[in-house]
Protein backbone atom coordinates (compact mmCIF):
# COMPACT_ATOMS: atom_id res chain seq x y z
CA MET A 1 0.00 0.00 0.00
CA VAL A 2 1.31 3.43 -0.91
CA LEU A 3 0.30 6.80 0.54
CA VAL A 4 0.35 9.99 -1.54
CA SER A 5 0.27 13.55 -0.19
CA THR A 6 -0.24 16.99 -1.68
CA ASN A 7 2.72 18.93 -3.06
CA MET A 8 3.52 22.17 -1.22
CA ALA A 9 4.78 24.02 -4.30
CA ALA A 10 1.55 23.34 -6.16
CA ALA A 11 -0.46 24.25 -3.08
CA LEU A 12 1.38 27.57 -2.85
CA ARG A 13 0.67 28.29 -6.51
CA SER A 14 -3.00 27.53 -5.87
CA ALA A 15 -3.00 29.83 -2.84
CA GLY A 16 -1.25 32.58 -4.76
CA VAL A 17 -3.72 32.47 -7.64
CA LEU A 18 -6.71 32.32 -5.29
CA LEU A 19 -5.52 35.29 -3.28
CA ARG A 20 -4.43 37.29 -6.30
CA ASP A 21 -7.90 36.87 -7.80
CA ARG A 22 -9.50 37.91 -4.51
CA LEU A 23 -7.23 40.95 -4.20
CA VAL A 24 -7.83 42.05 -7.77
CA TYR A 25 -11.55 41.35 -7.96
CA GLY A 26 -13.06 41.79 -4.70
CA GLY A 27 5.77 20.19 2.68
CA SER A 28 6.55 19.18 4.68
CA ARG A 29 6.56 15.55 4.01
CA ALA A 30 3.43 16.68 2.26
CA CYS A 31 5.88 17.46 -0.57
CA GLN A 32 7.00 13.85 -0.75
CA PRO A 33 5.20 10.61 -1.57
CA ARG A 34 4.79 8.31 1.41
CA ARG A 35 5.46 4.61 1.51
CA CYS A 36 5.18 1.93 4.12
CA GLN A 37 8.26 1.80 6.33
CA SER A 38 9.38 0.33 9.63
CA SER A 39 8.09 1.67 12.94
CA ALA A 40 11.63 2.71 13.88
CA ALA A 41 12.08 4.67 10.67
CA THR A 42 8.72 6.35 11.10
CA ALA A 43 9.50 7.30 14.72
CA ALA A 44 12.90 8.73 13.74
CA ALA A 45 11.43 10.79 10.92
CA ALA A 46 8.58 11.98 13.12
CA THR A 47 10.98 13.03 15.88
CA GLU A 48 13.02 15.09 13.42
CA THR A 49 9.82 16.69 12.08
CA ALA A 50 8.60 17.56 15.57
CA GLN A 51 11.96 19.10 16.53
CA ARG A 52 11.87 21.30 13.43
CA ALA A 53 8.27 22.21 14.20
CA ARG A 54 9.22 23.58 17.60
CA SER A 55 11.99 25.79 16.18
CA PRO A 56 10.79 29.40 15.86
CA ARG A 57 10.67 30.81 12.35
CA PRO A 58 10.09 34.57 12.60
CA GLN A 59 8.44 36.44 9.75
CA VAL A 60 10.60 38.93 7.89
CA GLN A 61 8.86 41.65 5.94
CA PRO A 62 10.79 43.10 2.98
CA GLY A 63 12.47 46.29 4.13
CA ASN A 64 10.45 46.16 7.37
CA ARG A 65 7.64 47.93 5.56
CA LYS A 66 4.26 48.12 7.23
CA PRO A 67 2.04 45.34 5.86
CA LYS A 68 -0.82 46.50 3.69
CA THR A 69 -2.68 43.22 3.23
CA GLY A 70 -2.98 40.43 5.78
CA ILE A 71 -3.85 36.81 5.05
CA LEU A 72 -5.26 34.89 8.01
CA MET A 73 -4.55 31.19 7.52
CA LEU A 74 -7.36 29.36 9.28
CA ASN A 75 -6.96 25.81 10.54
CA MET A 76 -7.64 23.50 13.45
CA GLY A 77 -4.06 23.45 14.69
CA GLY A 78 -2.38 20.80 16.79
CA PRO A 79 -0.43 20.56 20.07
CA GLU A 80 3.30 21.12 19.64
CA THR A 81 4.07 19.13 22.81
CA VAL A 82 2.31 16.31 24.64
CA GLY A 83 1.72 18.72 27.51
CA GLU A 84 -0.60 20.77 25.29
CA VAL A 85 -2.80 17.82 24.31
CA HIS A 86 -5.37 18.22 27.09
CA ASP A 87 -6.06 21.90 26.40
CA PHE A 88 -6.27 21.13 22.67
CA LEU A 89 -8.87 18.42 23.29
CA LEU A 90 -10.75 20.57 25.79
CA ARG A 91 -11.21 23.36 23.25
CA LEU A 92 -12.10 20.84 20.56
CA PHE A 93 -14.80 19.01 22.52
CA SER A 94 -16.20 22.32 23.78
CA ASP A 95 -16.72 23.70 20.25
CA ARG A 96 -20.44 23.53 19.44
CA ASP A 97 -19.71 24.32 15.79
CA LEU A 98 -17.70 21.12 15.57
CA MET A 99 -20.01 18.86 17.53
CA THR A 100 -23.06 19.20 19.75
CA LEU A 101 -23.04 17.10 22.91
CA PRO A 102 -25.60 16.84 25.69
CA VAL A 103 -24.54 19.01 28.66
CA GLN A 104 -21.47 19.89 26.62
CA ASN A 105 -19.97 22.13 29.30
CA LYS A 106 -19.59 19.03 31.47
CA LEU A 107 -19.33 16.19 28.96
CA GLY A 108 -16.75 17.99 26.81
CA PRO A 109 -14.19 18.34 29.64
CA PHE A 110 -14.87 14.73 30.71
CA ILE A 111 -14.17 13.37 27.22
CA ALA A 112 -11.07 15.55 26.87
CA LYS A 113 -9.63 14.30 30.16
CA ARG A 114 -10.43 10.69 29.34
CA ARG A 115 -8.89 10.79 25.86
CA THR A 116 -5.77 12.77 26.80
CA PRO A 117 -3.48 9.80 27.68
CA LYS A 118 -4.33 7.94 24.46
CA ILE A 119 -3.81 10.99 22.25
CA GLN A 120 -0.60 11.91 24.08
CA GLU A 121 0.79 8.47 23.23
CA GLN A 122 -0.10 8.99 19.57
CA TYR A 123 1.79 12.28 19.55
CA ARG A 124 4.76 10.58 21.20
CA ARG A 125 4.74 8.07 18.35
CA ILE A 126 5.11 10.88 15.79
CA GLY A 127 7.90 12.69 17.61
CA GLY A 128 6.20 14.44 20.52
CA GLY A 129 4.02 17.03 18.82
CA SER A 130 2.19 18.21 15.74
CA PRO A 131 4.20 19.79 12.89
CA ILE A 132 1.17 21.68 11.55
CA LYS A 133 2.40 25.07 12.80
CA MET A 134 5.77 24.57 11.16
CA TRP A 135 4.22 23.65 7.83
CA THR A 136 1.69 26.48 8.01
CA THR A 137 4.58 28.87 8.66
CA LYS A 138 6.49 27.55 5.65
CA GLN A 139 3.40 27.79 3.48
CA GLY A 140 2.69 31.30 4.74
CA GLU A 141 6.23 32.47 4.01
CA GLY A 142 6.10 31.10 0.49
CA MET A 143 2.61 32.47 -0.08
CA VAL A 144 3.37 36.09 0.84
CA LYS A 145 6.58 36.04 -1.20
CA LEU A 146 4.58 34.86 -4.19
CA LEU A 147 1.82 37.39 -3.58
CA ASP A 148 4.28 40.28 -3.42
CA GLU A 149 5.31 39.29 -6.95
CA LEU A 150 1.81 38.57 -8.30
CA SER A 151 0.03 41.56 -6.77
CA PRO A 152 2.52 44.38 -6.02
CA HIS A 153 -0.24 47.00 -5.67
CA THR A 154 -1.57 45.22 -2.56
CA ALA A 155 1.90 44.55 -1.10
CA PRO A 156 3.48 44.18 1.37
CA HIS A 157 1.55 41.06 2.36
CA LYS A 158 1.81 39.41 5.74
CA TYR A 159 0.46 36.03 6.81
CA TYR A 160 -1.09 35.29 10.18
CA ILE A 161 -1.82 31.88 11.65
CA GLY A 162 -5.21 31.42 13.30
CA PHE A 163 -5.82 28.04 14.95
CA ARG A 164 -9.07 27.04 16.62
CA TYR A 165 -7.78 24.82 19.41
CA VAL A 166 -4.14 25.80 20.11
CA HIS A 167 -2.13 29.00 20.14
CA PRO A 168 -1.99 31.18 18.15
CA LEU A 169 -5.77 31.16 18.42
CA THR A 170 -7.89 32.77 15.71
CA GLU A 171 -8.92 35.56 18.07
CA GLU A 172 -5.27 36.28 18.94
CA ALA A 173 -4.37 36.51 15.27
CA VAL A 174 -7.23 38.93 14.53
CA GLU A 175 -6.11 41.11 17.44
CA GLU A 176 -2.57 41.21 16.01
CA MET A 177 -3.93 42.11 12.57
CA GLU A 178 -5.85 45.03 14.06
CA ARG A 179 -2.71 46.25 15.85
CA ASP A 180 -0.78 46.12 12.58
CA GLY A 181 -3.20 48.59 10.99
CA LEU A 182 -3.87 46.60 7.82
CA GLU A 183 -5.92 48.02 4.97
CA ARG A 184 -7.25 44.65 3.85
CA ALA A 185 -7.61 41.24 5.43
CA ILE A 186 -8.39 37.89 3.84
CA ALA A 187 -9.64 34.96 5.90
CA PHE A 188 -8.10 32.06 3.97
CA THR A 189 -9.20 28.60 5.06
CA GLN A 190 -6.65 25.81 4.86
CA TYR A 191 -9.47 23.28 4.45
CA PRO A 192 -10.04 22.90 0.67
CA GLN A 193 -13.59 21.65 1.28
CA TYR A 194 -16.02 23.72 3.33
CA SER A 195 -17.68 22.47 6.48
CA CYS A 196 -19.62 24.37 9.12
CA SER A 197 -17.61 22.42 11.68
CA THR A 198 -14.17 23.50 10.40
CA THR A 199 -14.06 26.63 8.24
CA GLY A 200 -17.43 27.72 9.63
CA SER A 201 -16.13 27.41 13.18
CA SER A 202 -13.09 29.56 12.35
CA LEU A 203 -15.22 32.25 10.69
CA ASN A 204 -17.51 32.28 13.71
CA ALA A 205 -14.45 32.83 15.92
CA ILE A 206 -13.63 35.99 13.93
CA TYR A 207 -17.20 37.22 14.32
CA ARG A 208 -17.20 36.50 18.06
CA TYR A 209 -13.94 38.41 18.52
CA TYR A 210 -15.42 41.63 17.16
CA ASN A 211 -18.68 41.05 19.00
CA GLU A 212 -16.89 40.59 22.33
CA VAL A 213 -14.57 43.60 21.99
CA GLY A 214 -17.51 45.71 20.85
CA LYS A 215 -15.68 47.26 17.91
CA LYS A 216 -16.09 47.19 14.16
CA PRO A 217 -13.18 46.01 11.99
CA THR A 218 -10.77 48.76 10.97
CA MET A 219 -9.75 46.77 7.87
CA LYS A 220 -11.75 45.52 4.92
CA TRP A 221 -12.39 41.77 5.24
CA SER A 222 -12.97 39.19 2.52
CA THR A 223 -12.93 35.40 2.66
CA ILE A 224 -11.78 32.35 0.75
CA ASP A 225 -13.91 29.73 2.45
CA ARG A 226 -13.36 26.81 0.06
CA TRP A 227 -11.37 25.71 -2.99
CA PRO A 228 -12.23 22.04 -3.59
CA THR A 229 -11.91 22.05 -7.39
CA HIS A 230 -9.16 24.59 -7.98
CA PRO A 231 -7.29 23.44 -11.12
CA LEU A 232 -3.84 23.53 -9.52
CA LEU A 233 -5.03 21.51 -6.52
CA ILE A 234 -6.53 18.91 -8.85
CA GLN A 235 -3.40 18.83 -11.00
CA CYS A 236 -1.27 18.40 -7.88
CA PHE A 237 -3.17 15.31 -6.76
CA ALA A 238 -3.26 13.85 -10.28
CA ASP A 239 0.48 14.31 -10.81
CA HIS A 240 1.37 12.58 -7.56
CA ILE A 241 -1.05 9.74 -8.11
CA LEU A 242 0.43 9.08 -11.56
CA LYS A 243 3.92 9.18 -10.09
CA GLU A 244 3.02 6.63 -7.43
CA LEU A 245 1.17 4.35 -9.83
CA ASP A 246 4.45 4.00 -11.74
CA HIS A 247 5.88 2.13 -8.74
CA PHE A 248 3.43 -0.73 -9.21
CA PRO A 249 4.26 -3.55 -11.66
CA LEU A 250 3.05 -2.64 -15.13
CA GLU A 251 0.78 -5.66 -15.38
CA LYS A 252 -0.99 -4.70 -12.11
CA ARG A 253 -1.01 -0.93 -12.48
CA ARG A 254 -4.56 -0.54 -13.81
CA GLU A 255 -5.88 -2.84 -11.08
CA VAL A 256 -4.61 -0.62 -8.25
CA VAL A 257 -7.52 0.66 -6.15
CA ILE A 258 -7.20 4.36 -5.34
CA LEU A 259 -8.61 5.06 -1.88
CA PHE A 260 -9.29 8.76 -1.31
CA SER A 261 -9.39 9.26 2.46
CA ALA A 262 -10.96 12.34 4.08
CA HIS A 263 -11.70 13.26 7.69
CA SER A 264 -15.15 11.97 8.60
CA LEU A 265 -18.01 13.98 10.09
CA PRO A 266 -20.79 13.06 12.52
CA MET A 267 -24.02 12.30 10.65
CA SER A 268 -25.74 14.85 12.88
CA VAL A 269 -23.63 17.52 11.15
CA VAL A 270 -24.21 16.06 7.69
CA ASN A 271 -27.97 15.81 8.22
CA ARG A 272 -28.29 19.51 8.95
CA GLY A 273 -27.12 20.25 5.42
CA ASP A 274 -23.34 20.53 5.71
CA PRO A 275 -21.81 20.63 2.18
CA TYR A 276 -18.55 18.92 3.14
CA PRO A 277 -19.31 15.42 1.77
CA GLN A 278 -20.37 16.83 -1.59
CA GLU A 279 -17.31 19.08 -1.82
CA VAL A 280 -14.92 16.24 -0.98
CA GLY A 281 -16.71 14.17 -3.60
CA ALA A 282 -16.26 17.00 -6.10
CA THR A 283 -12.50 17.01 -5.48
CA VAL A 284 -12.33 13.25 -6.02
CA GLN A 285 -14.44 13.48 -9.17
CA ARG A 286 -12.22 16.17 -10.69
CA VAL A 287 -9.07 14.22 -9.87
CA MET A 288 -10.42 11.05 -11.44
CA ASP A 289 -11.59 13.03 -14.45
CA LYS A 290 -8.04 14.36 -14.83
CA LEU A 291 -6.76 10.77 -14.61
CA GLY A 292 -9.26 9.57 -17.21
CA TYR A 293 -10.81 7.15 -14.70
CA SER A 294 -7.85 4.87 -15.28
CA ASN A 295 -8.28 2.93 -12.04
CA PRO A 296 -11.01 1.74 -9.68
CA TYR A 297 -11.45 4.19 -6.82
CA ARG A 298 -13.36 4.72 -3.58
CA LEU A 299 -14.01 7.66 -1.27
CA VAL A 300 -13.54 6.60 2.35
CA TRP A 301 -13.58 8.41 5.69
CA GLN A 302 -11.22 8.37 8.67
CA SER A 303 -10.83 9.64 12.25
CA LYS A 304 -14.25 8.68 13.63
CA VAL A 305 -14.57 9.41 17.36
CA GLY A 306 -17.13 7.89 19.74
CA PRO A 307 -20.15 5.62 19.25
CA MET A 308 -22.41 8.01 17.32
CA PRO A 309 -22.96 7.53 13.55
CA TRP A 310 -20.35 9.14 11.29
CA LEU A 311 -19.79 9.28 7.55
CA GLY A 312 -18.64 5.97 6.11
CA PRO A 313 -17.29 3.66 4.89
CA LEU A 314 -14.36 3.99 7.28
CA THR A 315 -10.89 3.89 5.79
CA ASN A 316 -9.60 1.00 7.90
CA GLU A 317 -12.69 -1.10 7.19
CA ALA A 318 -12.41 -0.41 3.47
CA ILE A 319 -8.77 -1.52 3.43
CA ARG A 320 -9.61 -4.72 5.30
CA GLY A 321 -12.56 -5.41 3.01
CA LEU A 322 -10.47 -4.98 -0.13
CA CYS A 323 -7.73 -7.24 1.23
CA GLU A 324 -10.22 -9.94 2.16
CA ARG A 325 -11.38 -9.92 -1.47
CA GLY A 326 -7.82 -10.21 -2.72
CA ARG A 327 -7.43 -6.56 -3.78
CA LYS A 328 -4.11 -5.85 -2.11
CA ASN A 329 -2.68 -3.27 -4.50
CA ILE A 330 -3.95 -0.05 -2.94
CA LEU A 331 -3.02 3.61 -3.28
CA LEU A 332 -4.14 5.66 -0.26
CA VAL A 333 -4.59 9.40 -0.96
CA PRO A 334 -5.40 11.93 1.82
CA ILE A 335 -7.73 14.17 -0.17
CA ALA A 336 -8.75 16.80 2.42
CA PHE A 337 -5.44 17.78 4.06
CA THR A 338 -2.90 20.45 3.06
CA SER A 339 -0.15 19.59 5.55
CA ASP A 340 0.95 16.83 7.89
CA HIS A 341 -0.61 16.39 11.31
CA ILE A 342 -1.82 13.57 13.57
CA GLU A 343 -4.32 12.21 11.02
CA THR A 344 -1.59 11.68 8.42
CA LEU A 345 1.53 10.99 10.50
CA TYR A 346 -0.12 8.58 12.94
CA GLU A 347 -3.42 7.40 11.57
CA LEU A 348 -2.37 6.93 7.94
CA ASP A 349 1.39 6.36 8.23
CA ILE A 350 1.34 4.10 11.28
CA GLU A 351 -2.12 2.78 12.05
CA TYR A 352 -3.22 2.07 8.49
CA SER A 353 -0.09 1.81 6.35
CA GLN A 354 1.97 -0.26 8.79
CA VAL A 355 -0.44 -2.11 11.04
CA LEU A 356 -2.94 -3.04 8.34
CA ALA A 357 -0.20 -3.73 5.83
CA SER A 358 1.47 -6.17 8.22
CA GLU A 359 -1.85 -7.81 9.05
CA LYS A 360 -2.99 -8.20 5.46
CA TYR A 361 0.37 -8.44 3.65
CA ILE A 362 -0.36 -5.51 1.37
CA LEU A 363 2.31 -5.17 -1.31
């Protein structure tokens, strides 16, 4: 089984074009294909990634000029150390945009406390923390450099990181943007496909910030709340899939099953009309159209939490089912992520790629 990830350079080009259009009109291992490897090799690579993630990378503005346009990069975030896991989970399970629980003010903290040891161990397995801040920083640096070239009349550009569940929180980033005296601000989601529980939650955090401080924005806001079928994103996935298919024997290449894996959602969220499943499906459809439907494919869902119904089929169950039917040539593609974090480094790289591969002898 082989795992493919998005390419940062292509993602930056997509971001640059999206933002240029908005301004004018209105890696991470993510750079590298993944393959199954030993647990020791995975742990060593993850440790190196986590150490780099914790190294500060300050922004440098050209000539120290005051930024004119700010781009707020919205994402969930992830704990940089195991000591931050509990607070991360507490914020996550307390977010009513993400999930609605009975007596959430009590049940949310209970679930967070109960799950903390298990999640801490997962972060230890990938090097002790999430690299998502490091990769977002790298992407932000490349993005503003590209934007200064593409759109000089809105330069200088400055990126800001706004996470929902770890620092820097979305509200903290907005406060910094206001202090910087920007003329324009763009809320740029790092989730290609829109969901009320992800991008919607981040946008609500911006609204709540201004509501709580009792002030109107001093800068002009616009949003990029989704980009599931952007041509460069689709081309990026297609190029990497073709590259990885070349590693399979020629006589088996067209039999390889492409499994597109996306983060699942509770059915309670889906049933209230959330567009996320359709937008993920649109990404998959465009990628397969670009590939000429050369291979069998499935859309599967990962990261289910708790006993309540979630979107399926689940990724691990789909892999097992294919193997039981003798379909052991599988290409696993994370279709809804733009950088590495726990769902790719642990769940896909370790739990699925290694554990299931060893159980089912996937080649």
